[in-house]
């Protein structure tokens, strides 16, 4: 993209990059598994039998609350009609809220959809406990509520709440709406159409507002609206059980936007870009852009296509597994390059990544290193006992489940190996190297050295005024089973920058040919004036 900006800089009004569409799932961490649900109703609520009627009563209570909420706030609540786009239907109510400069819920939709829930069944054979019931997770079709909200920080957003236990939530955000709120708060003039800024008085302020969006801001607003609109729990239930939600990214889009001064060059450039993409962006180059090697075991889509969304509106897409890069033009002067990720596992982010400098991982490596020569290795219980006695910890501070989680992460990164016959662990040669670097030279002086054991090609060209940072991805401090975190919201930005660098390298190999074609294109554009 730097090459593109350098070649056509005199035709551009300004350039900015930001998050576009963001879809986030919200899970109740204390009610995600069947055994947690049984514990909740038996030990916390005091219901001896967890039956279908007990779960249905929770659904009925929440549905009654939503109806009362809509009635008390004089909100429209109705079923979504088939073939009618929800976002287009609620536009009049959204504009009314904007004119009043009011914030809150302005519309509620009801819709049938698939979602996770639990199935309750009676055991086939009698058991010692007459109240025993079998709970199994399943996906079924039931009512979902769509709350259309105008938030004072994130702007227009949608919150979908499942009416069946365990009440999974989905949040639909847009980075351009957040930027709009920031510019309005700073009283900076701008012109925005749909999800694109076509003119702005201060470009630097626009980019600063885009960079301001952070996981902390998103989490704070999601927690607020979940508390207001989500299912209700009593103070006793919240005190005895962790009913906070953890969030996972389902879809995220990051875009780089080019706004031209006039509309005459944009269509020609887009056509030429599609030709270059279809003929030169082959499967091996797409794999190289995304940092992988093309092989026969690769699953998913790997292709370049041109789609026509509507009459006269084409979109160029380069697919990589479940993700894709797309380029399109709109509003006569607007050209957008966008990266869309629908599955973080495509970029090896589905599994929780070990945080090697975490104090509890440092303690674990020290124990394994000191006893690494033991014949047969260490069992999990032996390691757990050694950690507790050596560092004077309690079982509540560092439980056996936490240890097993850390062992799985170290094993996934090749630091541990396990003897399957006796389930004993020992450090691998790579694990010994990393443990020595962190323990004997301490984690801060040798952090970059140990990091090189995971990333063999570190970034040797940091930006001016910035300190080089470790590229080792972070992991959540808790031992939740969730593998995704809102803290990785910066990953698409890093991936887009990596794509730009790789694509520039590919272009530079044929720079002479590109420059010749560019000069010919500029001559055609001058003649078209």
Protein backbone atom coordinates (compact mmCIF):
# COMPACT_ATOMS: atom_id res chain seq x y z
CA UNK A 1 0.00 0.00 0.00
CA UNK A 2 2.96 2.30 0.55
CA UNK A 3 3.86 1.86 -3.12
CA UNK A 4 0.30 2.68 -4.15
CA UNK A 5 0.27 5.83 -2.01
CA UNK A 6 3.63 6.93 -3.40
CA UNK A 7 2.52 6.49 -7.01
CA UNK A 8 -0.90 8.13 -6.71
CA UNK A 9 -0.37 10.49 -3.79
CA UNK A 10 -1.15 13.59 -5.84
CA UNK A 11 -4.61 12.19 -6.64
CA UNK A 12 -5.51 11.37 -3.03
CA UNK A 13 -7.30 13.67 -0.60
CA UNK A 14 -6.45 11.59 2.47
CA UNK A 15 -6.00 7.99 3.66
CA UNK A 16 -7.09 6.39 6.92
CA UNK A 17 -7.33 2.87 8.33
CA UNK A 18 -9.60 1.53 11.05
CA UNK A 19 -11.78 -1.35 12.23
CA UNK A 20 -15.04 -1.76 10.37
CA UNK A 21 -17.50 -4.50 11.33
CA UNK A 22 -16.88 -6.39 14.59
CA UNK A 23 -18.97 -9.34 15.79
CA UNK A 24 -18.36 -10.56 19.34
CA UNK A 25 -19.82 -13.53 21.23
CA UNK A 26 -20.53 -13.28 24.95
CA UNK A 27 -20.60 -16.41 27.13
CA UNK A 28 -21.61 -16.86 30.77
CA UNK A 29 -18.41 -18.33 32.15
CA UNK A 30 -20.16 -20.01 35.09
CA UNK A 31 -22.98 -21.64 33.14
CA UNK A 32 -21.35 -22.91 29.96
CA UNK A 33 -21.13 -26.62 30.86
CA UNK A 34 -23.83 -29.06 32.07
CA UNK A 35 -22.13 -29.72 35.41
CA UNK A 36 -22.05 -25.98 36.10
CA UNK A 37 -25.78 -25.71 35.40
CA UNK A 38 -26.52 -28.59 37.78
CA UNK A 39 -24.40 -26.98 40.50
CA UNK A 40 -26.12 -23.64 39.94
CA UNK A 41 -29.67 -24.93 40.36
CA UNK A 42 -28.95 -27.44 43.12
CA UNK A 43 -26.45 -25.64 45.32
CA UNK A 44 -27.20 -21.96 44.60
CA UNK A 45 -30.88 -21.79 43.67
CA UNK A 46 -31.89 -24.74 45.82
CA UNK A 47 -33.84 -26.73 43.23
CA UNK A 48 -33.33 -30.48 43.78
CA UNK A 49 -34.38 -31.61 40.30
CA UNK A 50 -32.99 -29.85 37.22
CA UNK A 51 -35.87 -30.53 34.86
CA UNK A 52 -37.05 -29.11 31.58
CA UNK A 53 -39.66 -27.08 33.45
CA UNK A 54 -36.97 -25.39 35.55
CA UNK A 55 -35.07 -24.23 32.46
CA UNK A 56 -38.32 -23.18 30.74
CA UNK A 57 -39.25 -21.03 33.73
CA UNK A 58 -36.02 -19.05 33.35
CA UNK A 59 -36.86 -18.49 29.69
CA UNK A 60 -40.41 -17.36 30.52
CA UNK A 61 -39.14 -14.95 33.18
CA UNK A 62 -36.72 -13.30 30.78
CA UNK A 63 -39.28 -13.05 27.97
CA UNK A 64 -41.75 -11.42 30.39
CA UNK A 65 -39.06 -8.95 31.46
CA UNK A 66 -38.33 -7.97 27.83
CA UNK A 67 -42.03 -7.37 27.15
CA UNK A 68 -42.30 -5.23 30.28
CA UNK A 69 -39.14 -3.30 29.38
CA UNK A 70 -40.49 -2.49 25.92
CA UNK A 71 -43.86 -1.47 27.37
CA UNK A 72 -42.37 0.78 30.07
CA UNK A 73 -40.01 2.53 27.62
CA UNK A 74 -42.60 2.70 24.83
CA UNK A 75 -40.41 0.77 22.44
CA UNK A 76 -41.56 -1.00 19.31
CA UNK A 77 -41.13 -4.77 19.60
CA UNK A 78 -42.19 -7.04 16.76
CA UNK A 79 -41.22 -10.14 14.82
CA UNK A 80 -38.76 -9.72 11.97
CA UNK A 81 -40.40 -10.24 8.59
CA UNK A 82 -38.84 -12.59 6.11
CA UNK A 83 -36.99 -10.81 3.31
CA UNK A 84 -36.81 -7.48 5.18
CA UNK A 85 -33.36 -6.28 6.20
CA UNK A 86 -33.49 -5.37 9.89
CA UNK A 87 -30.94 -2.52 9.63
CA UNK A 88 -32.96 -0.77 6.91
CA UNK A 89 -36.22 -1.17 8.82
CA UNK A 90 -34.96 0.57 11.99
CA UNK A 91 -33.33 3.56 10.21
CA UNK A 92 -36.24 6.00 10.97
CA UNK A 93 -36.06 5.23 14.70
CA UNK A 94 -32.27 5.60 14.68
CA UNK A 95 -32.46 9.01 12.99
CA UNK A 96 -35.08 10.11 15.49
CA UNK A 97 -32.70 9.25 18.35
CA UNK A 98 -29.87 11.11 16.62
CA UNK A 99 -31.99 14.25 16.18
CA UNK A 100 -32.90 14.20 19.86
CA UNK A 101 -29.27 13.50 20.80
CA UNK A 102 -30.56 10.70 22.99
CA UNK A 103 -28.92 7.39 23.83
CA UNK A 104 -30.36 4.01 24.67
CA UNK A 105 -32.51 1.30 23.12
CA UNK A 106 -34.73 2.47 20.28
CA UNK A 107 -36.09 -0.77 18.77
CA UNK A 108 -36.47 -4.48 19.59
CA UNK A 109 -36.79 -7.29 17.07
CA UNK A 110 -37.80 -10.88 17.78
CA UNK A 111 -36.50 -13.60 15.49
CA UNK A 112 -36.22 -17.38 15.44
CA UNK A 113 -32.66 -18.64 15.15
CA UNK A 114 -30.24 -21.41 16.04
CA UNK A 115 -28.43 -21.20 19.35
CA UNK A 116 -26.81 -23.31 22.11
CA UNK A 117 -28.97 -24.70 24.89
CA UNK A 118 -29.30 -27.83 27.04
CA UNK A 119 -31.39 -30.98 26.67
CA UNK A 120 -32.71 -32.62 29.84
CA UNK A 121 -33.50 -36.34 29.88
CA UNK A 122 -34.31 -38.98 32.51
CA UNK A 123 -31.76 -41.79 32.87
CA UNK A 124 -32.74 -45.03 31.16
CA UNK A 125 -31.90 -47.09 34.25
CA UNK A 126 -32.59 -46.14 37.87
CA UNK A 127 -29.79 -44.47 39.83
CA UNK A 128 -29.00 -44.02 43.51
CA UNK A 129 -30.03 -40.36 43.27
CA UNK A 130 -33.72 -40.16 42.32
CA UNK A 131 -33.25 -36.50 41.34
CA UNK A 132 -30.49 -37.25 38.85
CA UNK A 133 -31.07 -35.92 35.33
CA UNK A 134 -28.84 -36.03 32.26
CA UNK A 135 -28.00 -32.60 30.83
CA UNK A 136 -26.44 -32.49 27.38
CA UNK A 137 -25.54 -29.44 25.27
CA UNK A 138 -27.34 -29.10 21.97
CA UNK A 139 -28.26 -26.53 19.32
CA UNK A 140 -31.92 -25.83 18.71
CA UNK A 141 -34.16 -23.18 17.18
CA UNK A 142 -35.74 -20.67 19.54
CA UNK A 143 -36.49 -16.96 20.02
CA UNK A 144 -33.71 -14.37 20.00
CA UNK A 145 -34.10 -10.69 20.88
CA UNK A 146 -32.29 -8.00 18.89
CA UNK A 147 -31.82 -4.78 20.86
CA UNK A 148 -30.95 -1.80 18.64
CA UNK A 149 -28.93 0.63 20.74
CA UNK A 150 -27.43 4.07 20.29
CA UNK A 151 -24.47 4.10 22.64
CA UNK A 152 -22.73 7.31 23.67
CA UNK A 153 -19.28 5.75 23.10
CA UNK A 154 -19.64 3.08 20.41
CA UNK A 155 -22.50 4.71 18.50
CA UNK A 156 -25.19 2.54 16.88
CA UNK A 157 -24.81 -1.12 17.83
CA UNK A 158 -26.93 -4.27 18.05
CA UNK A 159 -27.10 -6.75 20.91
CA UNK A 160 -28.68 -10.15 20.33
CA UNK A 161 -29.72 -12.16 23.41
CA UNK A 162 -30.79 -15.80 23.33
CA UNK A 163 -33.93 -16.48 25.39
CA UNK A 164 -32.90 -20.06 26.27
CA UNK A 165 -30.41 -21.11 28.89
CA UNK A 166 -27.41 -20.34 28.97
CA UNK A 167 -28.41 -17.00 27.33
CA UNK A 168 -25.57 -16.53 24.85
CA UNK A 169 -25.21 -12.96 23.57
CA UNK A 170 -23.89 -11.56 20.29
CA UNK A 171 -22.78 -7.97 19.74
CA UNK A 172 -22.52 -6.20 16.39
CA UNK A 173 -20.28 -3.10 16.36
CA UNK A 174 -18.73 -0.84 13.76
CA UNK A 175 -15.48 1.07 14.11
CA UNK A 176 -16.75 3.94 11.95
CA UNK A 177 -19.57 4.58 14.43
CA UNK A 178 -17.02 4.87 17.24
CA UNK A 179 -14.94 7.32 15.19
CA UNK A 180 -18.05 9.39 14.47
CA UNK A 181 -18.77 9.71 18.21
CA UNK A 182 -15.19 10.76 18.90
CA UNK A 183 -15.21 13.43 16.18
CA UNK A 184 -18.56 14.79 17.37
CA UNK A 185 -17.21 14.97 20.91
CA UNK A 186 -14.15 16.88 19.65
CA UNK A 187 -16.37 19.13 17.45
CA UNK A 188 -14.49 18.31 14.27
CA UNK A 189 -16.42 18.77 11.02
CA UNK A 190 -16.73 15.75 8.74
CA UNK A 191 -18.93 14.20 6.07
CA UNK A 192 -19.85 10.56 6.54
CA UNK A 193 -21.94 8.37 4.23
CA UNK A 194 -22.89 4.88 5.36
CA UNK A 195 -19.66 3.49 6.88
CA UNK A 196 -17.16 5.76 5.12
CA UNK A 197 -15.72 9.21 5.81
CA UNK A 198 -15.57 11.20 2.58
CA UNK A 199 -14.34 14.50 4.04
CA UNK A 200 -12.90 15.63 7.36
CA UNK A 201 -11.46 18.89 8.67
CA UNK A 202 -8.59 17.22 10.54
CA UNK A 203 -7.20 13.99 9.08
CA UNK A 204 -4.81 13.46 12.00
CA UNK A 205 -7.70 13.66 14.46
CA UNK A 206 -9.63 11.13 12.35
CA UNK A 207 -6.77 8.63 12.49
CA UNK A 208 -6.22 9.30 16.21
CA UNK A 209 -9.89 8.54 16.87
CA UNK A 210 -9.60 5.30 14.87
CA UNK A 211 -6.53 4.23 16.86
CA UNK A 212 -8.28 4.98 20.15
CA UNK A 213 -10.64 2.02 19.91
CA UNK A 214 -9.37 -0.56 22.40
CA UNK A 215 -10.54 -3.81 24.05
CA UNK A 216 -11.01 -1.99 27.36
CA UNK A 217 -13.47 0.49 25.83
CA UNK A 218 -15.43 -2.26 24.10
CA UNK A 219 -15.52 -4.49 27.18
CA UNK A 220 -16.76 -1.67 29.40
CA UNK A 221 -19.70 -0.85 27.12
CA UNK A 222 -20.58 -4.50 26.50
CA UNK A 223 -20.61 -5.19 30.24
CA UNK A 224 -22.89 -2.20 30.78
CA UNK A 225 -25.50 -3.19 28.18
CA UNK A 226 -25.35 -6.86 29.18
CA UNK A 227 -26.18 -5.87 32.75
CA UNK A 228 -29.07 -3.68 31.60
CA UNK A 229 -30.59 -5.92 28.90
CA UNK A 230 -29.32 -9.41 29.70
CA UNK A 231 -31.00 -12.10 31.83
CA UNK A 232 -31.45 -11.24 35.49
CA UNK A 233 -29.81 -12.97 38.42
CA UNK A 234 -30.29 -12.27 42.10
CA UNK A 235 -27.59 -10.84 44.35
CA UNK A 236 -27.26 -14.23 46.07
CA UNK A 237 -26.71 -15.99 42.75
CA UNK A 238 -24.10 -13.47 41.63
CA UNK A 239 -22.29 -13.70 44.96
CA UNK A 240 -21.99 -17.48 44.98
CA UNK A 241 -21.22 -18.00 41.29
CA UNK A 242 -19.11 -16.25 38.70
CA UNK A 243 -21.74 -14.87 36.30
CA UNK A 244 -19.48 -12.48 34.42
CA UNK A 245 -19.18 -12.91 30.66
CA UNK A 246 -16.08 -13.55 28.62
CA UNK A 247 -16.01 -12.36 25.04
CA UNK A 248 -14.74 -13.98 21.86
CA UNK A 249 -14.33 -12.48 18.39
CA UNK A 250 -16.56 -14.17 15.81
CA UNK A 251 -15.85 -11.83 12.89
CA UNK A 252 -13.67 -8.77 12.49
CA UNK A 253 -12.91 -6.47 9.57
CA UNK A 254 -10.01 -4.04 9.26
CA UNK A 255 -9.89 -1.66 6.32
CA UNK A 256 -7.58 0.86 4.67
CA UNK A 257 -9.51 3.62 2.91
CA UNK A 258 -8.32 5.85 0.04
CA UNK A 259 -10.35 9.00 -0.63
CA UNK A 260 -9.59 10.60 -3.98
CA UNK A 261 -9.91 14.27 -4.88
CA UNK A 262 -11.89 13.55 -8.05
CA UNK A 263 -13.78 10.57 -9.34
CA UNK A 264 -12.22 10.24 -12.81
CA UNK A 265 -9.21 8.00 -11.88
CA UNK A 266 -10.81 5.68 -9.35
CA UNK A 267 -12.72 3.37 -11.70
CA UNK A 268 -9.73 2.91 -14.02
CA UNK A 269 -7.49 2.13 -11.08
CA UNK A 270 -9.95 -0.39 -9.69
CA UNK A 271 -10.29 -2.11 -13.07
CA UNK A 272 -6.50 -2.28 -13.45
CA UNK A 273 -6.18 -3.55 -9.88
CA UNK A 274 -8.66 -6.35 -10.60
CA UNK A 275 -6.70 -7.34 -13.69
CA UNK A 276 -3.43 -7.46 -11.73
CA UNK A 277 -5.12 -9.45 -8.96
CA UNK A 278 -6.75 -12.04 -11.19
CA UNK A 279 -3.64 -12.70 -13.29
CA UNK A 280 -0.79 -12.27 -10.79
CA UNK A 281 -2.28 -13.04 -7.36
CA UNK A 282 -2.00 -16.81 -7.72
CA UNK A 283 -2.56 -19.39 -4.98
CA UNK A 284 1.09 -19.57 -3.98
CA UNK A 285 1.33 -15.77 -3.70
CA UNK A 286 -1.86 -15.64 -1.59
CA UNK A 287 -0.37 -18.23 0.75
CA UNK A 288 2.88 -16.23 0.88
CA UNK A 289 0.98 -13.03 1.72
CA UNK A 290 -0.73 -14.74 4.66
CA UNK A 291 2.57 -16.22 5.85
CA UNK A 292 1.94 -19.91 5.08
CA UNK A 293 3.25 -22.46 2.63
CA UNK A 294 0.94 -23.95 0.03
CA UNK A 295 0.53 -27.73 0.42
CA UNK A 296 -2.02 -30.44 -0.26
CA UNK A 297 -3.21 -30.63 3.34
CA UNK A 298 -4.41 -27.01 3.44
CA UNK A 299 -8.16 -26.83 4.02
CA UNK A 300 -10.51 -24.04 3.00
CA UNK A 301 -10.77 -21.73 0.04
CA UNK A 302 -7.78 -20.27 -1.80
CA UNK A 303 -8.84 -18.26 -4.84
CA UNK A 304 -9.39 -14.82 -6.36
CA UNK A 305 -12.81 -13.82 -7.71
CA UNK A 306 -14.79 -10.74 -8.72
CA UNK A 307 -18.31 -10.55 -7.29
CA UNK A 308 -21.04 -8.20 -8.41
CA UNK A 309 -23.02 -7.23 -5.32
CA UNK A 310 -25.44 -5.02 -7.23
CA UNK A 311 -25.68 -3.39 -10.65
CA UNK A 312 -22.42 -1.59 -11.41
CA UNK A 313 -20.85 -2.45 -8.04
CA UNK A 314 -18.08 -5.04 -8.17
CA UNK A 315 -15.92 -6.43 -5.36
CA UNK A 316 -12.55 -8.12 -5.83
CA UNK A 317 -11.90 -10.88 -3.26
CA UNK A 318 -8.83 -12.98 -2.47
CA UNK A 319 -9.84 -15.93 -0.27
CA UNK A 320 -7.60 -17.64 2.27
CA UNK A 321 -9.39 -20.45 4.13
CA UNK A 322 -12.27 -18.68 5.96
CA UNK A 323 -10.71 -15.21 5.64
CA UNK A 324 -10.47 -12.98 2.62
CA UNK A 325 -9.10 -9.68 1.38
CA UNK A 326 -11.46 -7.53 -0.64
CA UNK A 327 -11.26 -4.31 -2.61
CA UNK A 328 -14.14 -2.21 -3.90
CA UNK A 329 -15.05 1.34 -4.89
CA UNK A 330 -18.08 3.36 -3.84
CA UNK A 331 -19.34 6.95 -3.64
CA UNK A 332 -17.28 7.85 -6.77
CA UNK A 333 -14.19 8.90 -4.78
CA UNK A 334 -13.82 6.07 -2.26
CA UNK A 335 -11.56 3.00 -2.63
CA UNK A 336 -11.30 0.46 0.19
CA UNK A 337 -9.00 -2.49 0.90
CA UNK A 338 -10.43 -4.66 3.66
CA UNK A 339 -9.30 -7.73 5.55
CA UNK A 340 -12.08 -9.97 6.94
CA UNK A 341 -11.49 -12.79 9.43
CA UNK A 342 -14.34 -15.23 10.14
CA UNK A 343 -12.29 -17.82 12.01
CA UNK A 344 -9.20 -16.98 14.06
CA UNK A 345 -8.07 -20.59 13.76
CA UNK A 346 -7.00 -19.76 10.19
CA UNK A 347 -4.21 -17.70 11.76
CA UNK A 348 -3.43 -20.25 14.51
CA UNK A 349 -5.24 -18.21 17.17
CA UNK A 350 -7.91 -20.72 18.18
CA UNK A 351 -5.76 -22.33 20.85
CA UNK A 352 -4.76 -20.33 23.91
CA UNK A 353 -1.17 -19.25 23.43
CA UNK A 354 1.28 -19.64 26.27
CA UNK A 355 2.42 -16.46 28.00
CA UNK A 356 5.98 -17.51 28.63
CA UNK A 357 6.78 -14.60 30.98
CA UNK A 358 3.81 -15.31 33.27
CA UNK A 359 5.12 -15.83 36.86
CA UNK A 360 3.28 -19.13 37.21
CA UNK A 361 4.84 -20.42 33.96
CA UNK A 362 8.27 -19.28 35.20
CA UNK A 363 7.72 -21.24 38.41
CA UNK A 364 6.65 -24.31 36.46
CA UNK A 365 9.70 -24.13 34.17
CA UNK A 366 12.00 -23.84 37.19
CA UNK A 367 10.56 -26.99 38.76
CA UNK A 368 10.77 -28.91 35.49
CA UNK A 369 14.33 -27.71 34.83
CA UNK A 370 15.65 -28.70 38.26
CA UNK A 371 14.13 -32.17 37.99
CA UNK A 372 14.38 -32.53 34.25
CA UNK A 373 16.95 -35.31 34.42
CA UNK A 374 14.66 -37.53 36.47
CA UNK A 375 14.17 -40.88 34.77
CA UNK A 376 10.58 -41.32 33.62
CA UNK A 377 9.69 -37.66 33.98
CA UNK A 378 7.19 -36.00 36.33
CA UNK A 379 3.51 -36.79 36.72
CA UNK A 380 1.06 -33.91 37.02
CA UNK A 381 0.45 -34.53 40.74
CA UNK A 382 4.19 -34.66 41.45
CA UNK A 383 4.74 -31.37 39.63
CA UNK A 384 1.81 -29.79 41.44
CA UNK A 385 3.13 -30.88 44.85
CA UNK A 386 6.63 -29.61 44.00
CA UNK A 387 5.34 -26.19 42.90
CA UNK A 388 3.22 -25.75 46.03
CA UNK A 389 5.98 -26.78 48.47
CA UNK A 390 8.81 -24.92 46.71
CA UNK A 391 7.02 -21.58 46.40
CA UNK A 392 4.79 -21.95 49.48
CA UNK A 393 1.52 -21.70 47.56
CA UNK A 394 -1.89 -22.98 48.51
CA UNK A 395 -3.95 -25.35 46.42
CA UNK A 396 -6.53 -22.59 46.05
CA UNK A 397 -3.93 -20.19 44.62
CA UNK A 398 -2.65 -22.66 42.04
CA UNK A 399 -4.91 -25.62 41.50
CA UNK A 400 -4.27 -28.89 39.71
CA UNK A 401 -6.51 -27.87 36.80
CA UNK A 402 -4.47 -24.71 36.30
CA UNK A 403 -1.30 -26.78 36.23
CA UNK A 404 -2.74 -29.18 33.66
CA UNK A 405 -3.77 -26.20 31.51
CA UNK A 406 -0.21 -24.81 31.62
CA UNK A 407 1.22 -28.24 30.80
CA UNK A 408 -0.99 -28.52 27.72
CA UNK A 409 0.11 -25.10 26.49
CA UNK A 410 3.80 -25.86 27.01
CA UNK A 411 3.36 -29.19 25.23
CA UNK A 412 1.56 -27.49 22.32
CA UNK A 413 4.57 -25.19 21.85
CA UNK A 414 7.06 -28.04 21.87
CA UNK A 415 8.53 -27.24 25.30
CA UNK A 416 7.31 -30.46 26.91
CA UNK A 417 7.03 -34.06 25.84
CA UNK A 418 4.83 -36.69 27.47
CA UNK A 419 5.26 -40.39 27.97
CA UNK A 420 1.83 -41.74 27.13
CA UNK A 421 2.33 -45.00 29.05
CA UNK A 422 2.69 -43.29 32.44
CA UNK A 423 1.51 -39.72 31.67
CA UNK A 424 4.83 -38.26 32.80
CA UNK A 425 6.26 -34.98 31.49
CA UNK A 426 9.80 -33.86 30.77
CA UNK A 427 11.34 -30.84 29.04
CA UNK A 428 12.33 -31.09 25.39
CA UNK A 429 15.70 -29.68 24.23
CA UNK A 430 13.85 -26.56 23.10
CA UNK A 431 12.15 -26.37 26.50
CA UNK A 432 15.50 -26.60 28.28
CA UNK A 433 16.88 -23.74 26.17
CA UNK A 434 13.88 -21.50 26.90
CA UNK A 435 13.88 -22.37 30.62
CA UNK A 436 17.59 -21.62 30.94
CA UNK A 437 17.24 -18.30 29.15
CA UNK A 438 14.40 -17.16 31.38
CA UNK A 439 15.67 -18.49 34.70
CA UNK A 440 19.40 -17.86 34.66
CA UNK A 441 19.40 -14.55 32.80
CA UNK A 442 15.96 -13.49 34.10
CA UNK A 443 13.02 -12.85 31.87
CA UNK A 444 13.65 -9.20 30.91
CA UNK A 445 17.28 -9.32 29.67
CA UNK A 446 16.72 -12.53 27.71
CA UNK A 447 13.13 -11.99 26.59
CA UNK A 448 14.05 -11.33 22.93
CA UNK A 449 16.41 -14.33 22.92
CA UNK A 450 13.77 -16.72 24.24
CA UNK A 451 11.20 -15.21 21.89
CA UNK A 452 13.45 -16.11 18.98
CA UNK A 453 12.85 -19.75 19.83
CA UNK A 454 9.26 -19.22 18.64
CA UNK A 455 9.70 -16.60 15.89
CA UNK A 456 12.81 -17.01 13.78
CA UNK A 457 12.22 -13.84 11.73
CA UNK A 458 11.69 -10.96 14.17
CA UNK A 459 10.84 -7.48 12.93
CA UNK A 460 14.19 -5.75 12.52
CA UNK A 461 12.73 -2.43 11.38
CA UNK A 462 10.71 -0.90 14.23
CA UNK A 463 9.07 2.45 13.68
CA UNK A 464 10.84 5.59 14.76
CA UNK A 465 10.23 6.52 18.39
CA UNK A 466 8.95 3.05 19.36
CA UNK A 467 10.66 0.31 21.31
CA UNK A 468 10.81 -3.13 19.67
CA UNK A 469 8.17 -5.35 21.21
CA UNK A 470 7.99 -9.10 21.52
CA UNK A 471 5.86 -10.70 18.83
CA UNK A 472 4.87 -13.56 21.14
CA UNK A 473 1.05 -13.37 21.40
CA UNK A 474 -0.46 -12.91 24.84
CA UNK A 475 -2.95 -15.14 26.63
CA UNK A 476 -5.64 -14.31 29.14
CA UNK A 477 -4.52 -14.48 32.76
CA UNK A 478 -7.44 -16.71 33.78
CA UNK A 479 -7.62 -20.42 33.05
CA UNK A 480 -10.92 -20.24 31.21
CA UNK A 481 -11.58 -22.75 28.46
CA UNK A 482 -12.21 -19.93 25.99
CA UNK A 483 -9.51 -19.73 23.32
CA UNK A 484 -10.24 -16.27 22.03
CA UNK A 485 -10.07 -12.90 23.69
CA UNK A 486 -10.98 -9.31 22.88
CA UNK A 487 -7.36 -8.45 23.63
CA UNK A 488 -6.55 -9.77 20.17
CA UNK A 489 -8.48 -6.97 18.49
CA UNK A 490 -5.11 -5.61 17.33
CA UNK A 491 -4.30 -8.77 15.36
CA UNK A 492 -6.15 -7.79 12.13
CA UNK A 493 -4.26 -4.50 12.11
CA UNK A 494 -0.94 -6.36 12.41
CA UNK A 495 -2.01 -8.84 9.75
CA UNK A 496 -3.05 -6.06 7.38
CA UNK A 497 0.30 -4.33 7.86
CA UNK A 498 2.06 -7.64 7.25
CA UNK A 499 0.01 -8.09 4.08
CA UNK A 500 0.99 -4.62 2.90
CA UNK A 501 4.68 -5.34 3.48
CA UNK A 502 4.55 -8.72 1.75
CA UNK A 503 2.55 -7.40 -1.17
CA UNK A 504 5.00 -4.52 -1.57
CA UNK A 505 7.85 -7.02 -1.65
CA UNK A 506 6.09 -9.03 -4.34
CA UNK A 507 5.45 -5.88 -6.33
CA UNK A 508 9.04 -4.69 -6.03
CA UNK A 509 10.27 -7.81 -7.83
CA UNK A 510 8.52 -6.59 -10.97
CA UNK A 511 8.81 -2.89 -10.22
CA UNK A 512 10.08 -2.01 -13.68
CA UNK A 513 7.07 -3.56 -15.38
CA UNK A 514 4.65 -1.99 -12.92
CA UNK A 515 6.14 1.46 -13.33
CA UNK A 516 5.89 1.19 -17.12
CA UNK A 517 2.25 0.17 -16.94
CA UNK A 518 1.58 2.89 -14.39
CA UNK A 519 3.01 5.55 -16.67
CA UNK A 520 0.86 4.26 -19.53
CA UNK A 521 -2.19 4.38 -17.27
CA UNK A 522 -1.45 7.95 -16.22
CA UNK A 523 -1.24 8.94 -19.89
CA UNK A 524 -4.68 7.41 -20.48
CA UNK A 525 -6.06 9.24 -17.46
CA UNK A 526 -4.64 12.55 -18.71
CA UNK A 527 -6.23 11.98 -22.10
CA UNK A 528 -9.56 11.19 -20.40
CA UNK A 529 -9.58 14.58 -18.69
